[in-house]
């Protein structure tokens, strides 16, 4: 007896909504788990060339955990102009205090595929530095990633 492999298409892909609380979760672990959910790799109908992942709302981004001495030593680059002296850096501690939303978005973007599909997948990530979010109308399910 042959079994039929079910592949997702744009018509039958189901996009659920999840809320993730980032409090005291290490940044890399949080980003990798969110990337898997966004791409849909946790679903049995995962198809690499179709956007079959779910929407993720991250709250409390300013309370994410940085392990080791990353707040002082890890550098994040921005505004690379291509000219001598054009490279600007911020430490992860500064990013966490002043730009926590951008920090999580960059970490997740680094783990997504690049190109048209990756940009479409990344648009399903919604990050908020506080506990309030604007996606209450979608009735997102609380997802516990602290385990």
C-alpha atoms as a PDB file:
ATOM      1  CA  UNK A   1       0.000   0.000   0.000  1.00  0.00           C
ATOM      2  CA  UNK A   2       1.441   3.347  -1.070  1.00  0.00           C
ATOM      3  CA  UNK A   3       1.056   6.377   1.133  1.00  0.00           C
ATOM      4  CA  UNK A   4       0.444   9.807  -0.262  1.00  0.00           C
ATOM      5  CA  UNK A   5       2.679  12.625   0.952  1.00  0.00           C
ATOM      6  CA  UNK A   6       0.669  15.752   1.654  1.00  0.00           C
ATOM      7  CA  UNK A   7       2.377  18.988   0.719  1.00  0.00           C
ATOM      8  CA  UNK A   8       1.187  22.449   1.625  1.00  0.00           C
ATOM      9  CA  UNK A   9       0.017  24.843  -1.066  1.00  0.00           C
ATOM     10  CA  UNK A  10      -0.839  28.510  -0.818  1.00  0.00           C
ATOM     11  CA  UNK A  11      -4.531  27.613  -0.833  1.00  0.00           C
ATOM     12  CA  UNK A  12      -4.553  25.013   1.946  1.00  0.00           C
ATOM     13  CA  UNK A  13      -1.859  26.448   4.247  1.00  0.00           C
ATOM     14  CA  UNK A  14      -3.246  27.300   7.690  1.00  0.00           C
ATOM     15  CA  UNK A  15      -1.630  30.223   9.519  1.00  0.00           C
ATOM     16  CA  UNK A  16      -2.271  30.186  13.270  1.00  0.00           C
ATOM     17  CA  UNK A  17      -1.385  32.972  15.703  1.00  0.00           C
ATOM     18  CA  UNK A  18       0.857  32.472  18.743  1.00  0.00           C
ATOM     19  CA  UNK A  19       1.982  34.758  21.585  1.00  0.00           C
ATOM     20  CA  UNK A  20       5.438  34.176  23.053  1.00  0.00           C
ATOM     21  CA  UNK A  21       6.624  35.783  26.277  1.00  0.00           C
ATOM     22  CA  UNK A  22      10.363  36.463  25.962  1.00  0.00           C
ATOM     23  CA  UNK A  23      10.976  37.007  29.673  1.00  0.00           C
ATOM     24  CA  UNK A  24      14.220  35.313  30.827  1.00  0.00           C
ATOM     25  CA  UNK A  25      14.639  33.217  27.651  1.00  0.00           C
ATOM     26  CA  UNK A  26      18.116  33.323  26.030  1.00  0.00           C
ATOM     27  CA  UNK A  27      18.033  35.319  22.781  1.00  0.00           C
ATOM     28  CA  UNK A  28      19.475  32.633  20.492  1.00  0.00           C
ATOM     29  CA  UNK A  29      17.170  29.881  21.739  1.00  0.00           C
ATOM     30  CA  UNK A  30      14.169  32.162  21.448  1.00  0.00           C
ATOM     31  CA  UNK A  31      15.104  33.233  17.915  1.00  0.00           C
ATOM     32  CA  UNK A  32      15.696  29.680  16.674  1.00  0.00           C
ATOM     33  CA  UNK A  33      12.374  28.406  18.055  1.00  0.00           C
ATOM     34  CA  UNK A  34      10.506  31.383  16.591  1.00  0.00           C
ATOM     35  CA  UNK A  35      12.179  30.862  13.201  1.00  0.00           C
ATOM     36  CA  UNK A  36      11.041  27.217  13.143  1.00  0.00           C
ATOM     37  CA  UNK A  37       7.451  28.273  13.880  1.00  0.00           C
ATOM     38  CA  UNK A  38       7.532  31.074  11.290  1.00  0.00           C
ATOM     39  CA  UNK A  39       8.815  28.728   8.565  1.00  0.00           C
ATOM     40  CA  UNK A  40       6.369  25.972   9.497  1.00  0.00           C
ATOM     41  CA  UNK A  41       9.023  23.332  10.100  1.00  0.00           C
ATOM     42  CA  UNK A  42       7.088  22.093  13.116  1.00  0.00           C
ATOM     43  CA  UNK A  43       4.149  21.044  10.906  1.00  0.00           C
ATOM     44  CA  UNK A  44       3.853  17.691   9.132  1.00  0.00           C
ATOM     45  CA  UNK A  45       2.907  19.466   5.884  1.00  0.00           C
ATOM     46  CA  UNK A  46       6.105  21.556   5.752  1.00  0.00           C
ATOM     47  CA  UNK A  47       7.050  22.524   2.215  1.00  0.00           C
ATOM     48  CA  UNK A  48      10.270  24.540   1.706  1.00  0.00           C
ATOM     49  CA  UNK A  49       8.998  26.691  -1.161  1.00  0.00           C
ATOM     50  CA  UNK A  50       5.614  27.591   0.375  1.00  0.00           C
ATOM     51  CA  UNK A  51       4.862  29.971   3.235  1.00  0.00           C
ATOM     52  CA  UNK A  52       3.134  27.458   5.518  1.00  0.00           C
ATOM     53  CA  UNK A  53       4.283  28.841   8.874  1.00  0.00           C
ATOM     54  CA  UNK A  54       2.390  30.593  11.629  1.00  0.00           C
ATOM     55  CA  UNK A  55       2.266  34.183  12.871  1.00  0.00           C
ATOM     56  CA  UNK A  56       4.193  34.928  16.058  1.00  0.00           C
ATOM     57  CA  UNK A  57       3.697  37.843  18.475  1.00  0.00           C
ATOM     58  CA  UNK A  58       6.610  38.348  20.886  1.00  0.00           C
ATOM     59  CA  UNK A  59       5.929  40.346  24.041  1.00  0.00           C
ATOM     60  CA  UNK A  60       8.340  41.566  26.744  1.00  0.00           C
ATOM     61  CA  UNK A  61      11.236  41.812  24.281  1.00  0.00           C
ATOM     62  CA  UNK A  62      13.097  44.113  26.672  1.00  0.00           C
ATOM     63  CA  UNK A  63      13.294  41.268  29.239  1.00  0.00           C
ATOM     64  CA  UNK A  64      15.068  38.761  26.983  1.00  0.00           C
ATOM     65  CA  UNK A  65      18.137  37.151  28.533  1.00  0.00           C
ATOM     66  CA  UNK A  66      21.685  37.654  27.276  1.00  0.00           C
ATOM     67  CA  UNK A  67      24.048  35.001  28.609  1.00  0.00           C
ATOM     68  CA  UNK A  68      27.724  35.237  29.451  1.00  0.00           C
ATOM     69  CA  UNK A  69      29.447  38.540  28.803  1.00  0.00           C
ATOM     70  CA  UNK A  70      27.468  39.281  25.628  1.00  0.00           C
ATOM     71  CA  UNK A  71      25.974  42.543  26.968  1.00  0.00           C
ATOM     72  CA  UNK A  72      29.453  44.073  27.091  1.00  0.00           C
ATOM     73  CA  UNK A  73      31.432  42.305  24.347  1.00  0.00           C
ATOM     74  CA  UNK A  74      29.077  41.225  21.534  1.00  0.00           C
ATOM     75  CA  UNK A  75      28.859  43.892  18.843  1.00  0.00           C
ATOM     76  CA  UNK A  76      25.890  44.535  16.557  1.00  0.00           C
ATOM     77  CA  UNK A  77      26.611  46.327  13.300  1.00  0.00           C
ATOM     78  CA  UNK A  78      24.360  48.925  11.682  1.00  0.00           C
ATOM     79  CA  UNK A  79      24.567  51.552   8.952  1.00  0.00           C
ATOM     80  CA  UNK A  80      27.460  50.025   7.043  1.00  0.00           C
ATOM     81  CA  UNK A  81      28.001  52.682   4.392  1.00  0.00           C
ATOM     82  CA  UNK A  82      30.883  51.105   2.483  1.00  0.00           C
ATOM     83  CA  UNK A  83      33.248  53.991   3.182  1.00  0.00           C
ATOM     84  CA  UNK A  84      36.315  53.914   5.410  1.00  0.00           C
ATOM     85  CA  UNK A  85      35.164  54.538   8.949  1.00  0.00           C
ATOM     86  CA  UNK A  86      31.543  53.900   7.984  1.00  0.00           C
ATOM     87  CA  UNK A  87      31.117  50.832  10.185  1.00  0.00           C
ATOM     88  CA  UNK A  88      29.102  51.584  13.312  1.00  0.00           C
ATOM     89  CA  UNK A  89      28.614  49.198  16.200  1.00  0.00           C
ATOM     90  CA  UNK A  90      26.427  48.908  19.259  1.00  0.00           C
ATOM     91  CA  UNK A  91      26.982  46.469  22.099  1.00  0.00           C
ATOM     92  CA  UNK A  92      24.231  43.980  22.867  1.00  0.00           C
ATOM     93  CA  UNK A  93      23.641  45.685  26.206  1.00  0.00           C
ATOM     94  CA  UNK A  94      22.865  48.957  24.431  1.00  0.00           C
ATOM     95  CA  UNK A  95      20.660  47.130  21.919  1.00  0.00           C
ATOM     96  CA  UNK A  96      18.731  45.458  24.746  1.00  0.00           C
ATOM     97  CA  UNK A  97      18.191  48.731  26.604  1.00  0.00           C
ATOM     98  CA  UNK A  98      17.414  51.025  23.665  1.00  0.00           C
ATOM     99  CA  UNK A  99      16.321  48.816  20.728  1.00  0.00           C
ATOM    100  CA  UNK A 100      14.957  45.487  22.070  1.00  0.00           C
ATOM    101  CA  UNK A 101      12.489  45.055  19.202  1.00  0.00           C
ATOM    102  CA  UNK A 102      15.186  45.435  16.541  1.00  0.00           C
ATOM    103  CA  UNK A 103      17.458  43.044  18.414  1.00  0.00           C
ATOM    104  CA  UNK A 104      14.931  40.195  18.331  1.00  0.00           C
ATOM    105  CA  UNK A 105      13.922  40.939  14.731  1.00  0.00           C
ATOM    106  CA  UNK A 106      17.568  40.788  13.601  1.00  0.00           C
ATOM    107  CA  UNK A 107      18.211  37.552  15.493  1.00  0.00           C
ATOM    108  CA  UNK A 108      15.186  35.859  13.910  1.00  0.00           C
ATOM    109  CA  UNK A 109      15.948  37.281  10.450  1.00  0.00           C
ATOM    110  CA  UNK A 110      19.416  35.723  10.605  1.00  0.00           C
ATOM    111  CA  UNK A 111      17.800  32.284  10.924  1.00  0.00           C
ATOM    112  CA  UNK A 112      15.266  32.658   8.096  1.00  0.00           C
ATOM    113  CA  UNK A 113      15.867  31.987   4.393  1.00  0.00           C
ATOM    114  CA  UNK A 114      16.921  35.021   2.405  1.00  0.00           C
ATOM    115  CA  UNK A 115      14.946  36.196  -0.609  1.00  0.00           C
ATOM    116  CA  UNK A 116      11.283  36.851  -1.412  1.00  0.00           C
ATOM    117  CA  UNK A 117       9.967  33.979   0.663  1.00  0.00           C
ATOM    118  CA  UNK A 118      12.149  34.897   3.638  1.00  0.00           C
ATOM    119  CA  UNK A 119      10.898  38.488   3.598  1.00  0.00           C
ATOM    120  CA  UNK A 120       7.307  37.244   3.438  1.00  0.00           C
ATOM    121  CA  UNK A 121       7.957  34.902   6.383  1.00  0.00           C
ATOM    122  CA  UNK A 122       9.661  37.669   8.384  1.00  0.00           C
ATOM    123  CA  UNK A 123       6.619  39.923   7.965  1.00  0.00           C
ATOM    124  CA  UNK A 124       4.645  37.477  10.134  1.00  0.00           C
ATOM    125  CA  UNK A 125       6.789  38.330  13.175  1.00  0.00           C
ATOM    126  CA  UNK A 126       5.393  41.028  15.491  1.00  0.00           C
ATOM    127  CA  UNK A 127       7.643  42.127  18.369  1.00  0.00           C
ATOM    128  CA  UNK A 128       6.688  44.405  21.280  1.00  0.00           C
ATOM    129  CA  UNK A 129       8.973  45.566  24.073  1.00  0.00           C
ATOM    130  CA  UNK A 130       6.173  45.571  26.674  1.00  0.00           C
ATOM    131  CA  UNK A 131       3.420  43.170  27.693  1.00  0.00           C
ATOM    132  CA  UNK A 132       0.729  44.789  25.493  1.00  0.00           C
ATOM    133  CA  UNK A 133       0.242  43.900  21.826  1.00  0.00           C
ATOM    134  CA  UNK A 134      -2.119  44.938  19.017  1.00  0.00           C
ATOM    135  CA  UNK A 135      -3.032  41.443  17.741  1.00  0.00           C
ATOM    136  CA  UNK A 136      -5.745  40.631  20.311  1.00  0.00           C
ATOM    137  CA  UNK A 137      -8.401  40.466  17.566  1.00  0.00           C
ATOM    138  CA  UNK A 138      -6.665  37.415  16.020  1.00  0.00           C
ATOM    139  CA  UNK A 139      -7.088  35.504  19.337  1.00  0.00           C
ATOM    140  CA  UNK A 140      -3.485  34.263  19.521  1.00  0.00           C
ATOM    141  CA  UNK A 141      -2.688  31.136  21.533  1.00  0.00           C
ATOM    142  CA  UNK A 142      -0.098  31.468  24.307  1.00  0.00           C
ATOM    143  CA  UNK A 143       2.983  29.397  23.473  1.00  0.00           C
ATOM    144  CA  UNK A 144       5.433  28.588  26.291  1.00  0.00           C
ATOM    145  CA  UNK A 145       9.006  28.422  24.949  1.00  0.00           C
ATOM    146  CA  UNK A 146      10.700  28.661  28.351  1.00  0.00           C
ATOM    147  CA  UNK A 147      11.068  24.852  28.629  1.00  0.00           C
END
